Amino acid sequence: MGDSIEEQIRKIQASAPTIEYYLAPRRARIAELQRELAKAKTRPKRQAISRELKKHIKYVSLTGSRKREKRPSARQLKRQKAEEEKLAWLVRKAGKNPP
């Protein structure tokens, strides 16, 4: 227990499963469904395989996009801009009226 907090965090992160651990079965299923789709002869069978395939592809693509940083909302951007303008105004006001 003599480890520092940073070392403990590193150990936990190293042992924790990554996103790839969770996506590997989905990707395997996608490959399997693509093979099945190529072999499918009837239209209802192809449609059913296609539906399931799209579901898995959508999940994998959305999960991949979650890793990116989230953009601030429009409300947050508006607030930040207003805050910057207010600070600029206060600096200008302070410059005009020295104490």
PDB file of N, CA and C in Angstrom:
ATOM      1  N   MET A   1       0.812  -1.197   0.000  1.00  0.00           N
ATOM      2  CA  MET A   1       0.000   0.000   0.000  1.00  0.00           C
ATOM      3  C   MET A   1       0.853   1.258   0.000  1.00  0.00           C
ATOM      4  N   GLY A   2       2.172   1.114  -0.161  1.00  0.00           N
ATOM      5  CA  GLY A   2       3.046   2.270  -0.180  1.00  0.00           C
ATOM      6  C   GLY A   2       3.017   2.996  -1.513  1.00  0.00           C
ATOM      7  N   ASP A   3       2.242   2.492  -2.465  1.00  0.00           N
ATOM      8  CA  ASP A   3       2.175   3.127  -3.781  1.00  0.00           C
ATOM      9  C   ASP A   3       1.490   4.486  -3.684  1.00  0.00           C
ATOM     10  N   SER A   4       1.965   5.386  -4.518  1.00  0.00           N
ATOM     11  CA  SER A   4       1.303   6.690  -4.555  1.00  0.00           C
ATOM     12  C   SER A   4      -0.035   6.545  -5.277  1.00  0.00           C
ATOM     13  N   ILE A   5      -0.839   7.560  -5.167  1.00  0.00           N
ATOM     14  CA  ILE A   5      -2.160   7.524  -5.788  1.00  0.00           C
ATOM     15  C   ILE A   5      -2.029   7.394  -7.303  1.00  0.00           C
ATOM     16  N   GLU A   6      -1.057   8.101  -7.901  1.00  0.00           N
ATOM     17  CA  GLU A   6      -0.867   8.038  -9.347  1.00  0.00           C
ATOM     18  C   GLU A   6      -0.525   6.621  -9.790  1.00  0.00           C
ATOM     19  N   GLU A   7       0.333   5.935  -9.013  1.00  0.00           N
ATOM     20  CA  GLU A   7       0.702   4.562  -9.355  1.00  0.00           C
ATOM     21  C   GLU A   7      -0.505   3.630  -9.224  1.00  0.00           C
ATOM     22  N   GLN A   8      -1.323   3.838  -8.219  1.00  0.00           N
ATOM     23  CA  GLN A   8      -2.519   3.019  -8.044  1.00  0.00           C
ATOM     24  C   GLN A   8      -3.484   3.225  -9.214  1.00  0.00           C
ATOM     25  N   ILE A   9      -3.631   4.470  -9.630  1.00  0.00           N
ATOM     26  CA  ILE A   9      -4.511   4.774 -10.758  1.00  0.00           C
ATOM     27  C   ILE A   9      -3.992   4.098 -12.023  1.00  0.00           C
ATOM     28  N   ARG A  10      -2.666   4.174 -12.246  1.00  0.00           N
ATOM     29  CA  ARG A  10      -2.074   3.538 -13.421  1.00  0.00           C
ATOM     30  C   ARG A  10      -2.307   2.034 -13.417  1.00  0.00           C
ATOM     31  N   LYS A  11      -2.188   1.409 -12.248  1.00  0.00           N
ATOM     32  CA  LYS A  11      -2.406  -0.040 -12.140  1.00  0.00           C
ATOM     33  C   LYS A  11      -3.856  -0.394 -12.457  1.00  0.00           C
ATOM     34  N   ILE A  12      -4.774   0.402 -11.935  1.00  0.00           N
ATOM     35  CA  ILE A  12      -6.200   0.151 -12.188  1.00  0.00           C
ATOM     36  C   ILE A  12      -6.506   0.317 -13.671  1.00  0.00           C
ATOM     37  N   GLN A  13      -5.971   1.362 -14.292  1.00  0.00           N
ATOM     38  CA  GLN A  13      -6.226   1.596 -15.707  1.00  0.00           C
ATOM     39  C   GLN A  13      -5.598   0.512 -16.567  1.00  0.00           C
ATOM     40  N   ALA A  14      -4.445   0.003 -16.147  1.00  0.00           N
ATOM     41  CA  ALA A  14      -3.794  -1.058 -16.920  1.00  0.00           C
ATOM     42  C   ALA A  14      -4.591  -2.353 -16.851  1.00  0.00           C
ATOM     43  N   SER A  15      -5.222  -2.627 -15.710  1.00  0.00           N
ATOM     44  CA  SER A  15      -5.967  -3.877 -15.571  1.00  0.00           C
ATOM     45  C   SER A  15      -7.404  -3.753 -16.072  1.00  0.00           C
ATOM     46  N   ALA A  16      -7.889  -2.556 -16.227  1.00  0.00           N
ATOM     47  CA  ALA A  16      -9.273  -2.344 -16.676  1.00  0.00           C
ATOM     48  C   ALA A  16      -9.389  -2.685 -18.161  1.00  0.00           C
ATOM     49  N   PRO A  17     -10.504  -3.264 -18.567  1.00  0.00           N
ATOM     50  CA  PRO A  17     -10.681  -3.584 -19.988  1.00  0.00           C
ATOM     51  C   PRO A  17     -10.843  -2.309 -20.819  1.00  0.00           C
ATOM     52  N   THR A  18     -10.338  -2.368 -22.036  1.00  0.00           N
ATOM     53  CA  THR A  18     -10.452  -1.223 -22.934  1.00  0.00           C
ATOM     54  C   THR A  18     -11.737  -1.329 -23.733  1.00  0.00           C
ATOM     55  N   ILE A  19     -12.011  -0.320 -24.517  1.00  0.00           N
ATOM     56  CA  ILE A  19     -13.210  -0.317 -25.349  1.00  0.00           C
ATOM     57  C   ILE A  19     -13.146  -1.439 -26.371  1.00  0.00           C
ATOM     58  N   GLU A  20     -11.937  -1.765 -26.825  1.00  0.00           N
ATOM     59  CA  GLU A  20     -11.782  -2.838 -27.808  1.00  0.00           C
ATOM     60  C   GLU A  20     -12.227  -4.179 -27.241  1.00  0.00           C
ATOM     61  N   TYR A  21     -12.078  -4.360 -25.947  1.00  0.00           N
ATOM     62  CA  TYR A  21     -12.504  -5.599 -25.292  1.00  0.00           C
ATOM     63  C   TYR A  21     -14.012  -5.795 -25.482  1.00  0.00           C
ATOM     64  N   TYR A  22     -14.750  -4.712 -25.415  1.00  0.00           N
ATOM     65  CA  TYR A  22     -16.198  -4.791 -25.555  1.00  0.00           C
ATOM     66  C   TYR A  22     -16.641  -4.825 -27.018  1.00  0.00           C
ATOM     67  N   LEU A  23     -15.855  -4.221 -27.894  1.00  0.00           N
ATOM     68  CA  LEU A  23     -16.238  -4.157 -29.300  1.00  0.00           C
ATOM     69  C   LEU A  23     -15.830  -5.393 -30.101  1.00  0.00           C
ATOM     70  N   ALA A  24     -14.876  -6.154 -29.611  1.00  0.00           N
ATOM     71  CA  ALA A  24     -14.386  -7.323 -30.354  1.00  0.00           C
ATOM     72  C   ALA A  24     -15.508  -8.319 -30.682  1.00  0.00           C
ATOM     73  N   PRO A  25     -16.370  -8.689 -29.725  1.00  0.00           N
ATOM     74  CA  PRO A  25     -17.453  -9.618 -30.087  1.00  0.00           C
ATOM     75  C   PRO A  25     -18.405  -9.037 -31.134  1.00  0.00           C
ATOM     76  N   ARG A  26     -18.678  -7.747 -31.048  1.00  0.00           N
ATOM     77  CA  ARG A  26     -19.562  -7.106 -32.028  1.00  0.00           C
ATOM     78  C   ARG A  26     -18.924  -7.139 -33.412  1.00  0.00           C
ATOM     79  N   ARG A  27     -17.613  -6.859 -33.472  1.00  0.00           N
ATOM     80  CA  ARG A  27     -16.927  -6.867 -34.766  1.00  0.00           C
ATOM     81  C   ARG A  27     -16.882  -8.273 -35.348  1.00  0.00           C
ATOM     82  N   ALA A  28     -16.715  -9.265 -34.487  1.00  0.00           N
ATOM     83  CA  ALA A  28     -16.727 -10.655 -34.947  1.00  0.00           C
ATOM     84  C   ALA A  28     -18.103 -10.998 -35.514  1.00  0.00           C
ATOM     85  N   ARG A  29     -19.145 -10.555 -34.840  1.00  0.00           N
ATOM     86  CA  ARG A  29     -20.507 -10.812 -35.299  1.00  0.00           C
ATOM     87  C   ARG A  29     -20.778 -10.103 -36.624  1.00  0.00           C
ATOM     88  N   ILE A  30     -20.232  -8.890 -36.801  1.00  0.00           N
ATOM     89  CA  ILE A  30     -20.383  -8.153 -38.056  1.00  0.00           C
ATOM     90  C   ILE A  30     -19.751  -8.946 -39.201  1.00  0.00           C
ATOM     91  N   ALA A  31     -18.536  -9.469 -38.971  1.00  0.00           N
ATOM     92  CA  ALA A  31     -17.861 -10.251 -40.016  1.00  0.00           C
ATOM     93  C   ALA A  31     -18.672 -11.498 -40.360  1.00  0.00           C
ATOM     94  N   GLU A  32     -19.200 -12.153 -39.332  1.00  0.00           N
ATOM     95  CA  GLU A  32     -20.013 -13.350 -39.545  1.00  0.00           C
ATOM     96  C   GLU A  32     -21.280 -13.025 -40.334  1.00  0.00           C
ATOM     97  N   LEU A  33     -21.944 -11.944 -39.980  1.00  0.00           N
ATOM     98  CA  LEU A  33     -23.171 -11.547 -40.678  1.00  0.00           C
ATOM     99  C   LEU A  33     -22.898 -11.163 -42.126  1.00  0.00           C
ATOM    100  N   GLN A  34     -21.763 -10.544 -42.388  1.00  0.00           N
ATOM    101  CA  GLN A  34     -21.427 -10.178 -43.763  1.00  0.00           C
ATOM    102  C   GLN A  34     -21.226 -11.422 -44.622  1.00  0.00           C
ATOM    103  N   ARG A  35     -20.607 -12.453 -44.027  1.00  0.00           N
ATOM    104  CA  ARG A  35     -20.458 -13.718 -44.755  1.00  0.00           C
ATOM    105  C   ARG A  35     -21.824 -14.358 -45.013  1.00  0.00           C
ATOM    106  N   GLU A  36     -22.676 -14.339 -43.984  1.00  0.00           N
ATOM    107  CA  GLU A  36     -24.020 -14.908 -44.135  1.00  0.00           C
ATOM    108  C   GLU A  36     -24.828 -14.155 -45.193  1.00  0.00           C
ATOM    109  N   LEU A  37     -24.688 -12.842 -45.213  1.00  0.00           N
ATOM    110  CA  LEU A  37     -25.429 -12.023 -46.171  1.00  0.00           C
ATOM    111  C   LEU A  37     -25.025 -12.372 -47.603  1.00  0.00           C
ATOM    112  N   ALA A  38     -23.745 -12.629 -47.809  1.00  0.00           N
ATOM    113  CA  ALA A  38     -23.274 -12.996 -49.146  1.00  0.00           C
ATOM    114  C   ALA A  38     -23.852 -14.343 -49.582  1.00  0.00           C
ATOM    115  N   LYS A  39     -24.072 -15.234 -48.620  1.00  0.00           N
ATOM    116  CA  LYS A  39     -24.579 -16.575 -48.939  1.00  0.00           C
ATOM    117  C   LYS A  39     -26.107 -16.637 -48.990  1.00  0.00           C
ATOM    118  N   ALA A  40     -26.789 -15.670 -48.395  1.00  0.00           N
ATOM    119  CA  ALA A  40     -28.249 -15.714 -48.308  1.00  0.00           C
ATOM    120  C   ALA A  40     -28.871 -15.649 -49.697  1.00  0.00           C
ATOM    121  N   LYS A  41     -29.877 -16.505 -49.916  1.00  0.00           N
ATOM    122  CA  LYS A  41     -30.495 -16.584 -51.240  1.00  0.00           C
ATOM    123  C   LYS A  41     -31.866 -15.917 -51.295  1.00  0.00           C
ATOM    124  N   THR A  42     -32.607 -15.960 -50.209  1.00  0.00           N
ATOM    125  CA  THR A  42     -33.961 -15.398 -50.255  1.00  0.00           C
ATOM    126  C   THR A  42     -33.977 -13.971 -49.716  1.00  0.00           C
ATOM    127  N   ARG A  43     -34.924 -13.204 -50.219  1.00  0.00           N
ATOM    128  CA  ARG A  43     -35.018 -11.792 -49.836  1.00  0.00           C
ATOM    129  C   ARG A  43     -35.307 -11.608 -48.340  1.00  0.00           C
ATOM    130  N   PRO A  44     -36.262 -12.340 -47.749  1.00  0.00           N
ATOM    131  CA  PRO A  44     -36.523 -12.152 -46.315  1.00  0.00           C
ATOM    132  C   PRO A  44     -35.303 -12.458 -45.444  1.00  0.00           C
ATOM    133  N   LYS A  45     -34.548 -13.468 -45.858  1.00  0.00           N
ATOM    134  CA  LYS A  45     -33.342 -13.823 -45.102  1.00  0.00           C
ATOM    135  C   LYS A  45     -32.314 -12.689 -45.194  1.00  0.00           C
ATOM    136  N   ARG A  46     -32.122 -12.151 -46.400  1.00  0.00           N
ATOM    137  CA  ARG A  46     -31.171 -11.039 -46.582  1.00  0.00           C
ATOM    138  C   ARG A  46     -31.610  -9.817 -45.778  1.00  0.00           C
ATOM    139  N   GLN A  47     -32.907  -9.544 -45.763  1.00  0.00           N
ATOM    140  CA  GLN A  47     -33.411  -8.389 -45.018  1.00  0.00           C
ATOM    141  C   GLN A  47     -33.171  -8.556 -43.524  1.00  0.00           C
ATOM    142  N   ALA A  48     -33.429  -9.760 -43.016  1.00  0.00           N
ATOM    143  CA  ALA A  48     -33.228 -10.009 -41.582  1.00  0.00           C
ATOM    144  C   ALA A  48     -31.760  -9.871 -41.213  1.00  0.00           C
ATOM    145  N   ILE A  49     -30.889 -10.424 -42.036  1.00  0.00           N
ATOM    146  CA  ILE A  49     -29.446 -10.328 -41.772  1.00  0.00           C
ATOM    147  C   ILE A  49     -29.011  -8.875 -41.860  1.00  0.00           C
ATOM    148  N   SER A  50     -29.532  -8.171 -42.852  1.00  0.00           N
ATOM    149  CA  SER A  50     -29.178  -6.756 -43.033  1.00  0.00           C
ATOM    150  C   SER A  50     -29.580  -5.922 -41.819  1.00  0.00           C
ATOM    151  N   ARG A  51     -30.778  -6.174 -41.304  1.00  0.00           N
ATOM    152  CA  ARG A  51     -31.237  -5.436 -40.112  1.00  0.00           C
ATOM    153  C   ARG A  51     -30.283  -5.638 -38.948  1.00  0.00           C
ATOM    154  N   GLU A  52     -29.945  -6.891 -38.688  1.00  0.00           N
ATOM    155  CA  GLU A  52     -29.050  -7.172 -37.559  1.00  0.00           C
ATOM    156  C   GLU A  52     -27.667  -6.580 -37.809  1.00  0.00           C
ATOM    157  N   LEU A  53     -27.202  -6.675 -39.029  1.00  0.00           N
ATOM    158  CA  LEU A  53     -25.889  -6.131 -39.391  1.00  0.00           C
ATOM    159  C   LEU A  53     -25.847  -4.627 -39.167  1.00  0.00           C
ATOM    160  N   LYS A  54     -26.894  -3.925 -39.605  1.00  0.00           N
ATOM    161  CA  LYS A  54     -26.949  -2.467 -39.420  1.00  0.00           C
ATOM    162  C   LYS A  54     -26.951  -2.103 -37.940  1.00  0.00           C
ATOM    163  N   LYS A  55     -27.654  -2.903 -37.140  1.00  0.00           N
ATOM    164  CA  LYS A  55     -27.717  -2.647 -35.703  1.00  0.00           C
ATOM    165  C   LYS A  55     -26.322  -2.713 -35.084  1.00  0.00           C
ATOM    166  N   HIS A  56     -25.564  -3.751 -35.443  1.00  0.00           N
ATOM    167  CA  HIS A  56     -24.223  -3.908 -34.888  1.00  0.00           C
ATOM    168  C   HIS A  56     -23.263  -2.837 -35.411  1.00  0.00           C
ATOM    169  N   ILE A  57     -23.364  -2.515 -36.689  1.00  0.00           N
ATOM    170  CA  ILE A  57     -22.490  -1.492 -37.268  1.00  0.00           C
ATOM    171  C   ILE A  57     -22.758  -0.137 -36.615  1.00  0.00           C
ATOM    172  N   LYS A  58     -24.025   0.174 -36.402  1.00  0.00           N
ATOM    173  CA  LYS A  58     -24.380   1.444 -35.760  1.00  0.00           C
ATOM    174  C   LYS A  58     -23.816   1.507 -34.343  1.00  0.00           C
ATOM    175  N   TYR A  59     -23.926   0.409 -33.598  1.00  0.00           N
ATOM    176  CA  TYR A  59     -23.406   0.375 -32.231  1.00  0.00           C
ATOM    177  C   TYR A  59     -21.901   0.616 -32.217  1.00  0.00           C
ATOM    178  N   VAL A  60     -21.184  -0.061 -33.104  1.00  0.00           N
ATOM    179  CA  VAL A  60     -19.728   0.073 -33.147  1.00  0.00           C
ATOM    180  C   VAL A  60     -19.328   1.482 -33.547  1.00  0.00           C
ATOM    181  N   SER A  61     -20.016   2.062 -34.523  1.00  0.00           N
ATOM    182  CA  SER A  61     -19.639   3.405 -34.970  1.00  0.00           C
ATOM    183  C   SER A  61     -19.962   4.452 -33.906  1.00  0.00           C
ATOM    184  N   LEU A  62     -21.096   4.300 -33.211  1.00  0.00           N
ATOM    185  CA  LEU A  62     -21.435   5.260 -32.158  1.00  0.00           C
ATOM    186  C   LEU A  62     -20.486   5.143 -30.977  1.00  0.00           C
ATOM    187  N   THR A  63     -20.090   3.932 -30.655  1.00  0.00           N
ATOM    188  CA  THR A  63     -19.171   3.735 -29.538  1.00  0.00           C
ATOM    189  C   THR A  63     -17.822   4.344 -29.869  1.00  0.00           C
ATOM    190  N   GLY A  64     -17.405   4.216 -31.109  1.00  0.00           N
ATOM    191  CA  GLY A  64     -16.142   4.820 -31.524  1.00  0.00           C
ATOM    192  C   GLY A  64     -16.177   6.327 -31.443  1.00  0.00           C
ATOM    193  N   SER A  65     -17.325   6.904 -31.754  1.00  0.00           N
ATOM    194  CA  SER A  65     -17.423   8.362 -31.725  1.00  0.00           C
ATOM    195  C   SER A  65     -17.507   8.898 -30.298  1.00  0.00           C
ATOM    196  N   ARG A  66     -17.907   8.057 -29.350  1.00  0.00           N
ATOM    197  CA  ARG A  66     -17.996   8.513 -27.955  1.00  0.00           C
ATOM    198  C   ARG A  66     -16.629   8.792 -27.365  1.00  0.00           C
ATOM    199  N   LYS A  67     -15.590   8.198 -27.946  1.00  0.00           N
ATOM    200  CA  LYS A  67     -14.254   8.407 -27.415  1.00  0.00           C
ATOM    201  C   LYS A  67     -13.776   9.840 -27.639  1.00  0.00           C
ATOM    202  N   ARG A  68     -14.282  10.458 -28.693  1.00  0.00           N
ATOM    203  CA  ARG A  68     -13.866  11.836 -28.966  1.00  0.00           C
ATOM    204  C   ARG A  68     -14.390  12.770 -27.894  1.00  0.00           C
ATOM    205  N   GLU A  69     -13.715  13.912 -27.788  1.00  0.00           N
ATOM    206  CA  GLU A  69     -14.164  14.886 -26.790  1.00  0.00           C
ATOM    207  C   GLU A  69     -15.509  15.466 -27.205  1.00  0.00           C
ATOM    208  N   LYS A  70     -16.320  15.686 -26.222  1.00  0.00           N
ATOM    209  CA  LYS A  70     -17.645  16.221 -26.480  1.00  0.00           C
ATOM    210  C   LYS A  70     -17.546  17.726 -26.729  1.00  0.00           C
ATOM    211  N   ARG A  71     -18.231  18.198 -27.755  1.00  0.00           N
ATOM    212  CA  ARG A  71     -18.259  19.636 -28.023  1.00  0.00           C
ATOM    213  C   ARG A  71     -19.153  20.314 -27.007  1.00  0.00           C
ATOM    214  N   PRO A  72     -18.799  21.537 -26.614  1.00  0.00           N
ATOM    215  CA  PRO A  72     -19.685  22.247 -25.686  1.00  0.00           C
ATOM    216  C   PRO A  72     -21.004  22.582 -26.374  1.00  0.00           C
ATOM    217  N   SER A  73     -22.051  22.664 -25.561  1.00  0.00           N
ATOM    218  CA  SER A  73     -23.371  22.961 -26.112  1.00  0.00           C
ATOM    219  C   SER A  73     -23.435  24.421 -26.544  1.00  0.00           C
ATOM    220  N   ALA A  74     -24.455  24.741 -27.318  1.00  0.00           N
ATOM    221  CA  ALA A  74     -24.636  26.110 -27.800  1.00  0.00           C
ATOM    222  C   ALA A  74     -24.821  27.058 -26.618  1.00  0.00           C
ATOM    223  N   ARG A  75     -25.535  26.599 -25.615  1.00  0.00           N
ATOM    224  CA  ARG A  75     -25.758  27.421 -24.419  1.00  0.00           C
ATOM    225  C   ARG A  75     -24.430  27.734 -23.722  1.00  0.00           C
ATOM    226  N   GLN A  76     -23.565  26.711 -23.605  1.00  0.00           N
ATOM    227  CA  GLN A  76     -22.271  26.940 -22.962  1.00  0.00           C
ATOM    228  C   GLN A  76     -21.430  27.919 -23.764  1.00  0.00           C
ATOM    229  N   LEU A  77     -21.430  27.770 -25.093  1.00  0.00           N
ATOM    230  CA  LEU A  77     -20.659  28.680 -25.938  1.00  0.00           C
ATOM    231  C   LEU A  77     -21.151  30.113 -25.789  1.00  0.00           C
ATOM    232  N   LYS A  78     -22.463  30.275 -25.730  1.00  0.00           N
ATOM    233  CA  LYS A  78     -23.056  31.599 -25.584  1.00  0.00           C
ATOM    234  C   LYS A  78     -22.656  32.220 -24.243  1.00  0.00           C
ATOM    235  N   ARG A  79     -22.712  31.409 -23.187  1.00  0.00           N
ATOM    236  CA  ARG A  79     -22.332  31.904 -21.862  1.00  0.00           C
ATOM    237  C   ARG A  79     -20.863  32.305 -21.814  1.00  0.00           C
ATOM    238  N   GLN A  80     -19.992  31.477 -22.423  1.00  0.00           N
ATOM    239  CA  GLN A  80     -18.565  31.797 -22.432  1.00  0.00           C
ATOM    240  C   GLN A  80     -18.308  33.100 -23.182  1.00  0.00           C
ATOM    241  N   LYS A  81     -18.971  33.273 -24.307  1.00  0.00           N
ATOM    242  CA  LYS A  81     -18.796  34.490 -25.099  1.00  0.00           C
ATOM    243  C   LYS A  81     -19.268  35.710 -24.306  1.00  0.00           C
ATOM    244  N   ALA A  82     -20.414  35.587 -23.652  1.00  0.00           N
ATOM    245  CA  ALA A  82     -20.937  36.697 -22.849  1.00  0.00           C
ATOM    246  C   ALA A  82     -19.989  37.015 -21.697  1.00  0.00           C
ATOM    247  N   GLU A  83     -19.437  35.973 -21.088  1.00  0.00           N
ATOM    248  CA  GLU A  83     -18.500  36.167 -19.984  1.00  0.00           C
ATOM    249  C   GLU A  83     -17.248  36.902 -20.459  1.00  0.00           C
ATOM    250  N   GLU A  84     -16.730  36.506 -21.634  1.00  0.00           N
ATOM    251  CA  GLU A  84     -15.543  37.162 -22.189  1.00  0.00           C
ATOM    252  C   GLU A  84     -15.827  38.625 -22.512  1.00  0.00           C
ATOM    253  N   GLU A  85     -17.008  38.878 -23.087  1.00  0.00           N
ATOM    254  CA  GLU A  85     -17.373  40.257 -23.416  1.00  0.00           C
ATOM    255  C   GLU A  85     -17.501  41.100 -22.144  1.00  0.00           C
ATOM    256  N   LYS A  86     -18.068  40.516 -21.102  1.00  0.00           N
ATOM    257  CA  LYS A  86     -18.229  41.240 -19.847  1.00  0.00           C
ATOM    258  C   LYS A  86     -16.864  41.558 -19.232  1.00  0.00           C
ATOM    259  N   LEU A  87     -15.970  40.564 -19.255  1.00  0.00           N
ATOM    260  CA  LEU A  87     -14.621  40.796 -18.728  1.00  0.00           C
ATOM    261  C   LEU A  87     -13.900  41.883 -19.530  1.00  0.00           C
ATOM    262  N   ALA A  88     -14.035  41.841 -20.861  1.00  0.00           N
ATOM    263  CA  ALA A  88     -13.411  42.869 -21.699  1.00  0.00           C
ATOM    264  C   ALA A  88     -13.983  44.245 -21.361  1.00  0.00           C
ATOM    265  N   TRP A  89     -15.277  44.312 -21.149  1.00  0.00           N
ATOM    266  CA  TRP A  89     -15.916  45.571 -20.790  1.00  0.00           C
ATOM    267  C   TRP A  89     -15.400  46.071 -19.444  1.00  0.00           C
ATOM    268  N   LEU A  90     -15.286  45.159 -18.457  1.00  0.00           N
ATOM    269  CA  LEU A  90     -14.783  45.552 -17.143  1.00  0.00           C
ATOM    270  C   LEU A  90     -13.341  46.054 -17.219  1.00  0.00           C
ATOM    271  N   VAL A  91     -12.531  45.426 -18.065  1.00  0.00           N
ATOM    272  CA  VAL A  91     -11.126  45.868 -18.240  1.00  0.00           C
ATOM    273  C   VAL A  91     -11.114  47.259 -18.864  1.00  0.00           C
ATOM    274  N   ARG A  92     -11.947  47.472 -19.888  1.00  0.00           N
ATOM    275  CA  ARG A  92     -12.001  48.796 -20.506  1.00  0.00           C
ATOM    276  C   ARG A  92     -12.467  49.848 -19.508  1.00  0.00           C
ATOM    277  N   LYS A  93     -13.473  49.504 -18.717  1.00  0.00           N
ATOM    278  CA  LYS A  93     -14.039  50.438 -17.724  1.00  0.00           C
ATOM    279  C   LYS A  93     -12.969  50.765 -16.663  1.00  0.00           C
ATOM    280  N   ALA A  94     -12.234  49.746 -16.241  1.00  0.00           N
ATOM    281  CA  ALA A  94     -11.195  49.968 -15.236  1.00  0.00           C
ATOM    282  C   ALA A  94     -10.069  50.839 -15.802  1.00  0.00           C
ATOM    283  N   GLY A  95      -9.803  50.681 -17.100  1.00  0.00           N
ATOM    284  CA  GLY A  95      -8.750  51.485 -17.746  1.00  0.00           C
ATOM    285  C   GLY A  95      -9.143  52.943 -17.852  1.00  0.00           C
ATOM    286  N   LYS A  96     -10.432  53.246 -18.033  1.00  0.00           N
ATOM    287  CA  LYS A  96     -10.895  54.627 -18.160  1.00  0.00           C
ATOM    288  C   LYS A  96     -10.950  55.332 -16.823  1.00  0.00           C
ATOM    289  N   ASN A  97     -11.303  54.598 -15.784  1.00  0.00           N
ATOM    290  CA  ASN A  97     -11.444  55.194 -14.458  1.00  0.00           C
ATOM    291  C   ASN A  97     -10.392  54.628 -13.502  1.00  0.00           C
ATOM    292  N   PRO A  98      -9.171  55.180 -13.542  1.00  0.00           N
ATOM    293  CA  PRO A  98      -8.158  54.683 -12.605  1.00  0.00           C
ATOM    294  C   PRO A  98      -8.515  55.094 -11.167  1.00  0.00           C
ATOM    295  N   PRO A  99      -8.255  54.243 -10.200  1.00  0.00           N
ATOM    296  CA  PRO A  99      -8.612  54.579  -8.812  1.00  0.00           C
ATOM    297  C   PRO A  99      -7.767  55.652  -8.207  1.00  0.00           C
TER     298      PRO A  99
END
